[in-house]
Amino acid sequence: MKQTLLIKNMVCDRCKTTIAKLLNDEGMEIESLELGKVVIKNYEGIDEAKLEKILNEKGFELIKDTSGILIEKIKISMIKRITKNDTDKILSEVAQELGKTYSLISKVFSKSEGITLEKYLINLKIEKVKEQIQLNQLNFSEIAYSFNYNNSSHLAKQFKSVTGMSMSEYRKLQNWDRKGLDQIV
C-alpha cells in the first residue's frame, strides 16, 4: 500500500538525501521524493512510532495536521526562493503558489510559529546575508542588491536589528554564528 508522508524540516537537497537513506535503511521503497514530501510504495507494516523516532533523531518530524502542512509548504517555498536570491515580491508569490490568500497564510503562520511572515523573511534573508559575508565574494552594496534591498544602509539596519552587530563587525568574527535555514523558526 502506498503512503504519502509529509516531513517537517526537509528543506534542501541534503535533507532529501538524508531522508532517502533513513527510509531505505528501514526497508522502505521510495516512489517519489521532493522537499517536505515522500511517497512510500510499501508502507504496510511500518512501525510509525519507530519511524517518527528515526526522523526526530535527524531533526525531522512527520506532519499530521493541516495547519502544520501549510506551515511547512510556506517555509519550503520561501527557503527555495531565498536560496535562489528570488526575494522580490516573495510573500505574494508564496501565497499565489499555495493557492491561498496572503492574509490567510500570514494569520496561520503567525499563530503557529509565533513570528510574522515578514519577520521570518527578514531572518531568512539575514542568514543568507551572513553566508555571503562569510564567503567574502561581494561587497555590502552588492549583497544588498542581490537580496533586492533598495540600498546597503537598509540592509545594514536590518542586519544590526537581527544580529545586534554591524555587517563589518560580523565579517571580523572568527566564529560566525550561523543557523540552518530550517532552524530559523
N, C-alpha and C. Protein backbone atom coordinates (compact mmCIF):
# COMPACT_ATOMS: atom_id res chain seq x y z
N MET A 1 0.84 -1.18 0.00
CA MET A 1 0.00 0.00 0.00
C MET A 1 0.89 1.25 0.00
N LYS A 2 0.57 2.19 -0.88
CA LYS A 2 1.30 3.44 -1.00
C LYS A 2 0.90 4.40 0.11
N GLN A 3 1.87 5.18 0.59
CA GLN A 3 1.57 6.17 1.63
C GLN A 3 2.39 7.43 1.37
N THR A 4 1.74 8.58 1.46
CA THR A 4 2.43 9.86 1.34
C THR A 4 2.73 10.39 2.73
N LEU A 5 3.98 10.70 2.97
CA LEU A 5 4.40 11.27 4.26
C LEU A 5 4.82 12.72 4.03
N LEU A 6 4.37 13.59 4.89
CA LEU A 6 4.79 14.98 4.87
C LEU A 6 5.76 15.18 6.03
N ILE A 7 6.92 15.73 5.71
CA ILE A 7 8.01 15.76 6.68
C ILE A 7 8.48 17.20 6.92
N LYS A 8 8.48 17.59 8.17
CA LYS A 8 8.91 18.92 8.58
C LYS A 8 10.43 19.00 8.59
N ASN A 9 10.95 20.17 8.21
CA ASN A 9 12.38 20.49 8.19
C ASN A 9 13.14 19.86 7.03
N MET A 10 12.46 19.29 6.07
CA MET A 10 13.11 18.75 4.87
C MET A 10 13.13 19.87 3.84
N VAL A 11 14.18 20.70 3.88
CA VAL A 11 14.17 21.95 3.13
C VAL A 11 15.30 22.10 2.11
N CYS A 12 16.12 21.07 1.94
CA CYS A 12 17.22 21.19 0.98
C CYS A 12 17.54 19.82 0.39
N ASP A 13 18.41 19.81 -0.60
CA ASP A 13 18.76 18.54 -1.25
C ASP A 13 19.47 17.58 -0.30
N ARG A 14 20.27 18.11 0.62
CA ARG A 14 20.93 17.23 1.60
C ARG A 14 19.89 16.56 2.49
N CYS A 15 18.84 17.31 2.81
CA CYS A 15 17.74 16.73 3.62
C CYS A 15 17.09 15.58 2.86
N LYS A 16 16.87 15.77 1.56
CA LYS A 16 16.27 14.71 0.75
C LYS A 16 17.16 13.47 0.75
N THR A 17 18.46 13.67 0.62
CA THR A 17 19.40 12.55 0.64
C THR A 17 19.36 11.83 1.98
N THR A 18 19.32 12.60 3.06
CA THR A 18 19.26 12.01 4.40
C THR A 18 17.97 11.21 4.59
N ILE A 19 16.84 11.78 4.19
CA ILE A 19 15.55 11.09 4.31
C ILE A 19 15.56 9.81 3.49
N ALA A 20 16.07 9.88 2.26
CA ALA A 20 16.12 8.69 1.40
C ALA A 20 16.93 7.58 2.07
N LYS A 21 18.07 7.94 2.63
CA LYS A 21 18.91 6.93 3.29
C LYS A 21 18.20 6.35 4.51
N LEU A 22 17.61 7.21 5.34
CA LEU A 22 16.91 6.73 6.54
C LEU A 22 15.79 5.75 6.17
N LEU A 23 15.00 6.11 5.17
CA LEU A 23 13.87 5.26 4.79
C LEU A 23 14.33 3.98 4.11
N ASN A 24 15.35 4.08 3.26
CA ASN A 24 15.89 2.87 2.62
C ASN A 24 16.49 1.92 3.65
N ASP A 25 17.17 2.48 4.65
CA ASP A 25 17.75 1.65 5.71
C ASP A 25 16.67 0.89 6.49
N GLU A 26 15.46 1.45 6.51
CA GLU A 26 14.34 0.79 7.19
C GLU A 26 13.55 -0.12 6.24
N GLY A 27 14.07 -0.30 5.03
CA GLY A 27 13.43 -1.21 4.07
C GLY A 27 12.26 -0.62 3.32
N MET A 28 12.13 0.69 3.35
CA MET A 28 11.03 1.34 2.64
C MET A 28 11.45 1.67 1.22
N GLU A 29 10.55 1.40 0.28
CA GLU A 29 10.81 1.69 -1.12
C GLU A 29 10.18 3.03 -1.48
N ILE A 30 11.00 3.96 -1.91
CA ILE A 30 10.54 5.31 -2.21
C ILE A 30 10.08 5.39 -3.66
N GLU A 31 8.84 5.85 -3.84
CA GLU A 31 8.32 6.07 -5.18
C GLU A 31 8.70 7.46 -5.68
N SER A 32 8.53 8.45 -4.82
CA SER A 32 8.92 9.82 -5.18
C SER A 32 9.35 10.57 -3.93
N LEU A 33 10.21 11.56 -4.16
CA LEU A 33 10.77 12.32 -3.05
C LEU A 33 10.94 13.76 -3.50
N GLU A 34 10.35 14.67 -2.76
CA GLU A 34 10.54 16.10 -3.02
C GLU A 34 10.60 16.80 -1.67
N LEU A 35 10.96 18.06 -1.67
CA LEU A 35 11.09 18.78 -0.41
C LEU A 35 9.80 18.71 0.39
N GLY A 36 9.90 18.19 1.61
CA GLY A 36 8.75 18.12 2.50
C GLY A 36 7.81 16.96 2.27
N LYS A 37 8.07 16.14 1.26
CA LYS A 37 7.10 15.10 0.91
C LYS A 37 7.81 13.88 0.32
N VAL A 38 7.38 12.70 0.78
CA VAL A 38 7.90 11.45 0.24
C VAL A 38 6.74 10.47 0.08
N VAL A 39 6.75 9.74 -1.03
CA VAL A 39 5.74 8.71 -1.25
C VAL A 39 6.43 7.36 -1.12
N ILE A 40 5.92 6.53 -0.19
CA ILE A 40 6.48 5.21 0.09
C ILE A 40 5.60 4.17 -0.61
N LYS A 41 6.23 3.26 -1.36
CA LYS A 41 5.47 2.22 -2.08
C LYS A 41 4.96 1.13 -1.14
N ASN A 42 5.80 0.69 -0.23
CA ASN A 42 5.48 -0.47 0.63
C ASN A 42 5.32 -0.06 2.08
N TYR A 43 4.30 0.72 2.38
CA TYR A 43 4.16 1.29 3.72
C TYR A 43 3.52 0.35 4.73
N GLU A 44 2.79 -0.66 4.27
CA GLU A 44 2.11 -1.54 5.23
C GLU A 44 3.12 -2.23 6.14
N GLY A 45 2.74 -2.33 7.39
CA GLY A 45 3.60 -2.99 8.37
C GLY A 45 4.68 -2.11 8.95
N ILE A 46 4.70 -0.85 8.60
CA ILE A 46 5.72 0.07 9.11
C ILE A 46 5.32 0.53 10.52
N ASP A 47 6.27 0.48 11.43
CA ASP A 47 6.05 0.95 12.80
C ASP A 47 6.20 2.48 12.79
N GLU A 48 5.07 3.17 12.84
CA GLU A 48 5.10 4.63 12.73
C GLU A 48 5.83 5.29 13.90
N ALA A 49 5.71 4.75 15.08
CA ALA A 49 6.41 5.31 16.25
C ALA A 49 7.92 5.22 16.04
N LYS A 50 8.38 4.08 15.51
CA LYS A 50 9.81 3.90 15.23
C LYS A 50 10.26 4.88 14.14
N LEU A 51 9.43 5.02 13.11
CA LEU A 51 9.75 5.94 12.02
C LEU A 51 9.87 7.37 12.55
N GLU A 52 8.93 7.78 13.38
CA GLU A 52 8.98 9.12 13.96
C GLU A 52 10.25 9.32 14.79
N LYS A 53 10.64 8.31 15.55
CA LYS A 53 11.85 8.39 16.37
C LYS A 53 13.09 8.55 15.49
N ILE A 54 13.16 7.77 14.42
CA ILE A 54 14.30 7.84 13.49
C ILE A 54 14.38 9.22 12.85
N LEU A 55 13.24 9.74 12.41
CA LEU A 55 13.21 11.07 11.80
C LEU A 55 13.60 12.15 12.81
N ASN A 56 13.05 12.06 14.02
CA ASN A 56 13.34 13.05 15.06
C ASN A 56 14.82 13.11 15.41
N GLU A 57 15.49 11.95 15.38
CA GLU A 57 16.92 11.91 15.70
C GLU A 57 17.75 12.74 14.72
N LYS A 58 17.25 12.91 13.51
CA LYS A 58 17.95 13.70 12.50
C LYS A 58 17.35 15.09 12.31
N GLY A 59 16.42 15.47 13.20
CA GLY A 59 15.86 16.82 13.15
C GLY A 59 14.63 16.97 12.27
N PHE A 60 14.02 15.86 11.88
CA PHE A 60 12.82 15.90 11.05
C PHE A 60 11.61 15.47 11.88
N GLU A 61 10.42 15.77 11.37
CA GLU A 61 9.18 15.35 12.04
C GLU A 61 8.14 15.00 11.00
N LEU A 62 7.29 14.03 11.32
CA LEU A 62 6.13 13.76 10.48
C LEU A 62 5.09 14.84 10.76
N ILE A 63 4.48 15.35 9.71
CA ILE A 63 3.44 16.36 9.87
C ILE A 63 2.10 15.68 9.69
N LYS A 64 1.21 15.90 10.64
CA LYS A 64 -0.08 15.20 10.59
C LYS A 64 -1.27 16.15 10.51
N ASP A 65 -1.12 17.40 10.93
CA ASP A 65 -2.28 18.30 10.92
C ASP A 65 -2.21 19.26 9.72
N THR A 66 -3.36 19.72 9.27
CA THR A 66 -3.42 20.56 8.07
C THR A 66 -2.70 21.89 8.25
N SER A 67 -2.75 22.45 9.44
CA SER A 67 -2.05 23.69 9.71
C SER A 67 -0.54 23.48 9.57
N GLY A 68 -0.05 22.38 10.13
CA GLY A 68 1.38 22.05 10.03
C GLY A 68 1.82 21.84 8.60
N ILE A 69 0.95 21.24 7.81
CA ILE A 69 1.25 21.01 6.39
C ILE A 69 1.40 22.35 5.67
N LEU A 70 0.46 23.26 5.91
CA LEU A 70 0.53 24.58 5.27
C LEU A 70 1.77 25.34 5.71
N ILE A 71 2.09 25.30 6.99
CA ILE A 71 3.28 25.99 7.51
C ILE A 71 4.54 25.47 6.81
N GLU A 72 4.65 24.16 6.69
CA GLU A 72 5.85 23.58 6.07
C GLU A 72 5.93 23.96 4.59
N LYS A 73 4.80 23.97 3.91
CA LYS A 73 4.79 24.39 2.49
C LYS A 73 5.22 25.85 2.35
N ILE A 74 4.78 26.69 3.27
CA ILE A 74 5.18 28.10 3.26
C ILE A 74 6.69 28.20 3.43
N LYS A 75 7.22 27.51 4.44
CA LYS A 75 8.66 27.56 4.71
C LYS A 75 9.47 27.05 3.53
N ILE A 76 9.06 25.93 2.97
CA ILE A 76 9.79 25.35 1.84
C ILE A 76 9.80 26.32 0.66
N SER A 77 8.66 26.89 0.36
CA SER A 77 8.55 27.84 -0.75
C SER A 77 9.44 29.06 -0.52
N MET A 78 9.44 29.59 0.69
CA MET A 78 10.25 30.76 1.00
C MET A 78 11.74 30.42 0.96
N ILE A 79 12.12 29.28 1.51
CA ILE A 79 13.53 28.89 1.53
C ILE A 79 14.03 28.65 0.11
N LYS A 80 13.22 28.03 -0.73
CA LYS A 80 13.62 27.84 -2.14
C LYS A 80 13.92 29.18 -2.79
N ARG A 81 13.05 30.14 -2.58
CA ARG A 81 13.23 31.46 -3.20
C ARG A 81 14.45 32.19 -2.62
N ILE A 82 14.63 32.11 -1.32
CA ILE A 82 15.78 32.77 -0.69
C ILE A 82 17.08 32.14 -1.20
N THR A 83 17.10 30.84 -1.34
CA THR A 83 18.29 30.14 -1.81
C THR A 83 18.67 30.59 -3.22
N LYS A 84 17.67 30.91 -4.03
CA LYS A 84 17.91 31.38 -5.40
C LYS A 84 18.02 32.90 -5.48
N ASN A 85 18.02 33.58 -4.33
CA ASN A 85 18.01 35.04 -4.25
C ASN A 85 16.82 35.64 -4.98
N ASP A 86 15.72 34.91 -5.03
CA ASP A 86 14.49 35.36 -5.67
C ASP A 86 13.59 35.94 -4.59
N THR A 87 13.93 37.16 -4.13
CA THR A 87 13.23 37.71 -2.97
C THR A 87 12.27 38.84 -3.32
N ASP A 88 12.16 39.19 -4.58
CA ASP A 88 11.25 40.26 -4.99
C ASP A 88 9.81 39.75 -4.94
N LYS A 89 8.97 40.39 -4.18
CA LYS A 89 7.54 40.03 -4.05
C LYS A 89 7.35 38.59 -3.56
N ILE A 90 8.24 38.13 -2.75
CA ILE A 90 8.24 36.73 -2.31
C ILE A 90 6.96 36.33 -1.57
N LEU A 91 6.46 37.19 -0.70
CA LEU A 91 5.31 36.81 0.12
C LEU A 91 4.04 36.63 -0.72
N SER A 92 3.81 37.53 -1.66
CA SER A 92 2.62 37.38 -2.51
C SER A 92 2.78 36.19 -3.45
N GLU A 93 4.00 35.92 -3.91
CA GLU A 93 4.24 34.77 -4.78
C GLU A 93 4.02 33.45 -4.04
N VAL A 94 4.43 33.39 -2.79
CA VAL A 94 4.22 32.18 -1.99
C VAL A 94 2.73 31.93 -1.82
N ALA A 95 1.98 32.97 -1.49
CA ALA A 95 0.52 32.83 -1.34
C ALA A 95 -0.10 32.34 -2.64
N GLN A 96 0.32 32.92 -3.74
CA GLN A 96 -0.22 32.51 -5.05
C GLN A 96 0.15 31.06 -5.36
N GLU A 97 1.39 30.68 -5.10
CA GLU A 97 1.84 29.31 -5.34
C GLU A 97 1.01 28.30 -4.55
N LEU A 98 0.65 28.66 -3.33
CA LEU A 98 -0.11 27.76 -2.47
C LEU A 98 -1.61 27.85 -2.69
N GLY A 99 -2.04 28.78 -3.53
CA GLY A 99 -3.46 28.94 -3.82
C GLY A 99 -4.25 29.46 -2.63
N LYS A 100 -3.59 30.26 -1.80
CA LYS A 100 -4.22 30.84 -0.60
C LYS A 100 -4.05 32.35 -0.65
N THR A 101 -4.85 33.05 0.13
CA THR A 101 -4.66 34.49 0.22
C THR A 101 -3.47 34.77 1.14
N TYR A 102 -2.84 35.92 0.92
CA TYR A 102 -1.74 36.30 1.78
C TYR A 102 -2.22 36.43 3.23
N SER A 103 -3.40 37.00 3.39
CA SER A 103 -3.97 37.19 4.73
C SER A 103 -4.08 35.86 5.47
N LEU A 104 -4.55 34.83 4.79
CA LEU A 104 -4.72 33.52 5.41
C LEU A 104 -3.37 32.92 5.81
N ILE A 105 -2.42 32.90 4.87
CA ILE A 105 -1.14 32.26 5.22
C ILE A 105 -0.42 33.05 6.30
N SER A 106 -0.57 34.36 6.28
CA SER A 106 0.07 35.19 7.30
C SER A 106 -0.51 34.89 8.68
N LYS A 107 -1.82 34.79 8.76
CA LYS A 107 -2.50 34.53 10.03
C LYS A 107 -2.14 33.14 10.57
N VAL A 108 -2.20 32.12 9.71
CA VAL A 108 -1.89 30.75 10.13
C VAL A 108 -0.43 30.65 10.57
N PHE A 109 0.47 31.26 9.81
CA PHE A 109 1.89 31.21 10.12
C PHE A 109 2.18 31.88 11.46
N SER A 110 1.67 33.08 11.64
CA SER A 110 1.92 33.83 12.89
C SER A 110 1.38 33.08 14.10
N LYS A 111 0.18 32.53 13.97
CA LYS A 111 -0.43 31.81 15.09
C LYS A 111 0.39 30.58 15.46
N SER A 112 0.86 29.86 14.46
CA SER A 112 1.58 28.61 14.70
C SER A 112 3.02 28.84 15.14
N GLU A 113 3.70 29.78 14.50
CA GLU A 113 5.14 29.94 14.71
C GLU A 113 5.51 31.06 15.69
N GLY A 114 4.56 31.92 16.03
CA GLY A 114 4.85 33.00 16.97
C GLY A 114 5.70 34.10 16.39
N ILE A 115 5.74 34.21 15.07
CA ILE A 115 6.52 35.23 14.37
C ILE A 115 5.77 35.55 13.09
N THR A 116 5.82 36.80 12.67
CA THR A 116 5.12 37.16 11.43
C THR A 116 5.89 36.63 10.22
N LEU A 117 5.19 36.50 9.11
CA LEU A 117 5.85 36.08 7.87
C LEU A 117 6.94 37.07 7.48
N GLU A 118 6.67 38.35 7.67
CA GLU A 118 7.64 39.38 7.30
C GLU A 118 8.92 39.23 8.12
N LYS A 119 8.77 39.00 9.42
CA LYS A 119 9.94 38.82 10.30
C LYS A 119 10.68 37.53 9.93
N TYR A 120 9.93 36.48 9.61
CA TYR A 120 10.55 35.23 9.18
C TYR A 120 11.37 35.46 7.91
N LEU A 121 10.80 36.21 6.96
CA LEU A 121 11.51 36.51 5.71
C LEU A 121 12.79 37.29 6.00
N ILE A 122 12.70 38.28 6.87
CA ILE A 122 13.90 39.06 7.22
C ILE A 122 14.95 38.15 7.84
N ASN A 123 14.55 37.27 8.74
CA ASN A 123 15.50 36.34 9.37
C ASN A 123 16.15 35.42 8.35
N LEU A 124 15.36 34.92 7.38
CA LEU A 124 15.93 34.09 6.31
C LEU A 124 16.95 34.88 5.51
N LYS A 125 16.57 36.10 5.13
CA LYS A 125 17.49 36.94 4.34
C LYS A 125 18.79 37.18 5.11
N ILE A 126 18.67 37.50 6.39
CA ILE A 126 19.87 37.80 7.17
C ILE A 126 20.79 36.58 7.26
N GLU A 127 20.22 35.39 7.38
CA GLU A 127 21.07 34.18 7.39
C GLU A 127 21.80 34.02 6.06
N LYS A 128 21.12 34.31 4.96
CA LYS A 128 21.78 34.23 3.65
C LYS A 128 22.81 35.36 3.49
N VAL A 129 22.53 36.51 4.05
CA VAL A 129 23.49 37.61 4.03
C VAL A 129 24.74 37.21 4.82
N LYS A 130 24.55 36.58 5.98
CA LYS A 130 25.70 36.08 6.75
C LYS A 130 26.56 35.15 5.90
N GLU A 131 25.90 34.29 5.15
CA GLU A 131 26.64 33.37 4.27
C GLU A 131 27.45 34.15 3.25
N GLN A 132 26.84 35.17 2.64
CA GLN A 132 27.55 35.98 1.65
C GLN A 132 28.73 36.73 2.27
N ILE A 133 28.53 37.24 3.47
CA ILE A 133 29.63 37.93 4.16
C ILE A 133 30.76 36.95 4.43
N GLN A 134 30.42 35.76 4.87
CA GLN A 134 31.42 34.74 5.17
C GLN A 134 32.19 34.33 3.91
N LEU A 135 31.50 34.23 2.78
CA LEU A 135 32.16 33.86 1.53
C LEU A 135 33.11 34.95 1.05
N ASN A 136 32.84 36.20 1.45
CA ASN A 136 33.70 37.33 1.14
C ASN A 136 33.91 37.54 -0.36
N GLN A 137 32.88 37.29 -1.15
CA GLN A 137 32.98 37.46 -2.61
C GLN A 137 32.33 38.75 -3.09
N LEU A 138 31.42 39.30 -2.29
CA LEU A 138 30.69 40.51 -2.67
C LEU A 138 30.86 41.57 -1.59
N ASN A 139 30.84 42.84 -2.01
CA ASN A 139 30.84 43.90 -1.00
C ASN A 139 29.41 44.08 -0.49
N PHE A 140 29.25 44.91 0.52
CA PHE A 140 27.94 45.05 1.16
C PHE A 140 26.87 45.58 0.20
N SER A 141 27.24 46.50 -0.66
CA SER A 141 26.28 47.03 -1.64
C SER A 141 25.82 45.94 -2.60
N GLU A 142 26.74 45.11 -3.04
CA GLU A 142 26.38 44.01 -3.95
C GLU A 142 25.48 42.99 -3.25
N ILE A 143 25.77 42.73 -1.99
CA ILE A 143 24.93 41.80 -1.22
C ILE A 143 23.52 42.39 -1.09
N ALA A 144 23.44 43.67 -0.75
CA ALA A 144 22.13 44.33 -0.62
C ALA A 144 21.36 44.24 -1.93
N TYR A 145 22.03 44.52 -3.02
CA TYR A 145 21.38 44.46 -4.34
C TYR A 145 20.90 43.04 -4.65
N SER A 146 21.70 42.05 -4.32
CA SER A 146 21.34 40.65 -4.64
C SER A 146 20.11 40.18 -3.88
N PHE A 147 19.80 40.83 -2.75
CA PHE A 147 18.62 40.48 -1.97
C PHE A 147 17.50 41.51 -2.11
N ASN A 148 17.58 42.31 -3.16
CA ASN A 148 16.55 43.30 -3.51
C ASN A 148 16.32 44.38 -2.46
N TYR A 149 17.38 44.74 -1.73
CA TYR A 149 17.28 45.90 -0.85
C TYR A 149 17.50 47.15 -1.70
N ASN A 150 16.83 48.24 -1.34
CA ASN A 150 16.98 49.48 -2.10
C ASN A 150 18.39 50.04 -1.99
N ASN A 151 19.00 49.82 -0.83
CA ASN A 151 20.38 50.29 -0.63
C ASN A 151 21.01 49.51 0.52
N SER A 152 22.32 49.65 0.65
CA SER A 152 23.03 48.88 1.67
C SER A 152 22.72 49.36 3.08
N SER A 153 22.32 50.62 3.24
CA SER A 153 22.02 51.09 4.60
C SER A 153 20.74 50.44 5.13
N HIS A 154 19.78 50.16 4.26
CA HIS A 154 18.56 49.45 4.69
C HIS A 154 18.93 48.04 5.17
N LEU A 155 19.76 47.36 4.41
CA LEU A 155 20.23 46.03 4.82
C LEU A 155 21.01 46.13 6.13
N ALA A 156 21.88 47.13 6.23
CA ALA A 156 22.71 47.28 7.43
C ALA A 156 21.84 47.45 8.68
N LYS A 157 20.76 48.23 8.57
CA LYS A 157 19.86 48.43 9.71
C LYS A 157 19.17 47.12 10.09
N GLN A 158 18.67 46.39 9.09
CA GLN A 158 18.02 45.11 9.39
C GLN A 158 19.01 44.12 9.98
N PHE A 159 20.21 44.07 9.42
CA PHE A 159 21.24 43.15 9.91
C PHE A 159 21.54 43.42 11.38
N LYS A 160 21.74 44.69 11.71
CA LYS A 160 22.05 45.05 13.09
C LYS A 160 20.87 44.76 14.01
N SER A 161 19.66 44.99 13.53
CA SER A 161 18.46 44.73 14.33
C SER A 161 18.34 43.24 14.67
N VAL A 162 18.68 42.38 13.72
CA VAL A 162 18.54 40.93 13.92
C VAL A 162 19.72 40.36 14.70
N THR A 163 20.94 40.78 14.35
CA THR A 163 22.13 40.15 14.93
C THR A 163 22.72 40.91 16.12
N GLY A 164 22.40 42.21 16.22
CA GLY A 164 22.97 43.02 17.29
C GLY A 164 24.36 43.56 16.97
N MET A 165 24.81 43.36 15.74
CA MET A 165 26.12 43.88 15.34
C MET A 165 26.06 44.36 13.89
N SER A 166 27.04 45.15 13.52
CA SER A 166 27.09 45.63 12.14
C SER A 166 27.63 44.52 11.24
N MET A 167 27.45 44.71 9.94
CA MET A 167 27.97 43.71 9.00
C MET A 167 29.50 43.69 9.04
N SER A 168 30.12 44.84 9.24
CA SER A 168 31.59 44.89 9.35
C SER A 168 32.07 44.13 10.58
N GLU A 169 31.38 44.31 11.69
CA GLU A 169 31.74 43.57 12.91
C GLU A 169 31.57 42.07 12.68
N TYR A 170 30.50 41.70 12.01
CA TYR A 170 30.25 40.28 11.74
C TYR A 170 31.36 39.69 10.86
N ARG A 171 31.78 40.46 9.85
CA ARG A 171 32.84 39.98 8.94
C ARG A 171 34.13 39.70 9.70
N LYS A 172 34.41 40.48 10.76
CA LYS A 172 35.65 40.33 11.52
C LYS A 172 35.63 39.15 12.49
N LEU A 173 34.46 38.61 12.77
CA LEU A 173 34.35 37.49 13.72
C LEU A 173 35.14 36.28 13.24
N GLN A 174 35.69 35.55 14.18
CA GLN A 174 36.35 34.29 13.85
C GLN A 174 35.35 33.14 13.84
N ASN A 175 34.40 33.19 14.75
CA ASN A 175 33.34 32.18 14.83
C ASN A 175 32.03 32.81 14.39
N TRP A 176 31.61 32.48 13.18
CA TRP A 176 30.35 33.02 12.68
C TRP A 176 29.20 32.25 13.30
N ASP A 177 28.23 33.00 13.77
CA ASP A 177 27.03 32.41 14.38
C ASP A 177 25.98 32.26 13.30
N ARG A 178 25.97 31.10 12.64
CA ARG A 178 25.03 30.87 11.55
C ARG A 178 24.07 29.76 11.93
N LYS A 179 22.84 29.87 11.43
CA LYS A 179 21.82 28.86 11.64
C LYS A 179 21.46 28.25 10.30
N GLY A 180 21.06 26.99 10.32
CA GLY A 180 20.49 26.41 9.11
C GLY A 180 19.16 27.09 8.84
N LEU A 181 18.80 27.21 7.56
CA LEU A 181 17.55 27.89 7.22
C LEU A 181 16.34 27.18 7.83
N ASP A 182 16.45 25.87 8.04
CA ASP A 182 15.34 25.14 8.65
C ASP A 182 15.27 25.37 10.16
N GLN A 183 16.26 26.06 10.72
CA GLN A 183 16.28 26.32 12.17
C GLN A 183 15.85 27.74 12.52
N ILE A 184 15.42 28.51 11.53
CA ILE A 184 15.02 29.90 11.77
C ILE A 184 13.82 29.96 12.72
N VAL A 185 12.82 29.13 12.50
CA VAL A 185 11.66 29.08 13.40
C VAL A 185 11.47 27.65 13.82
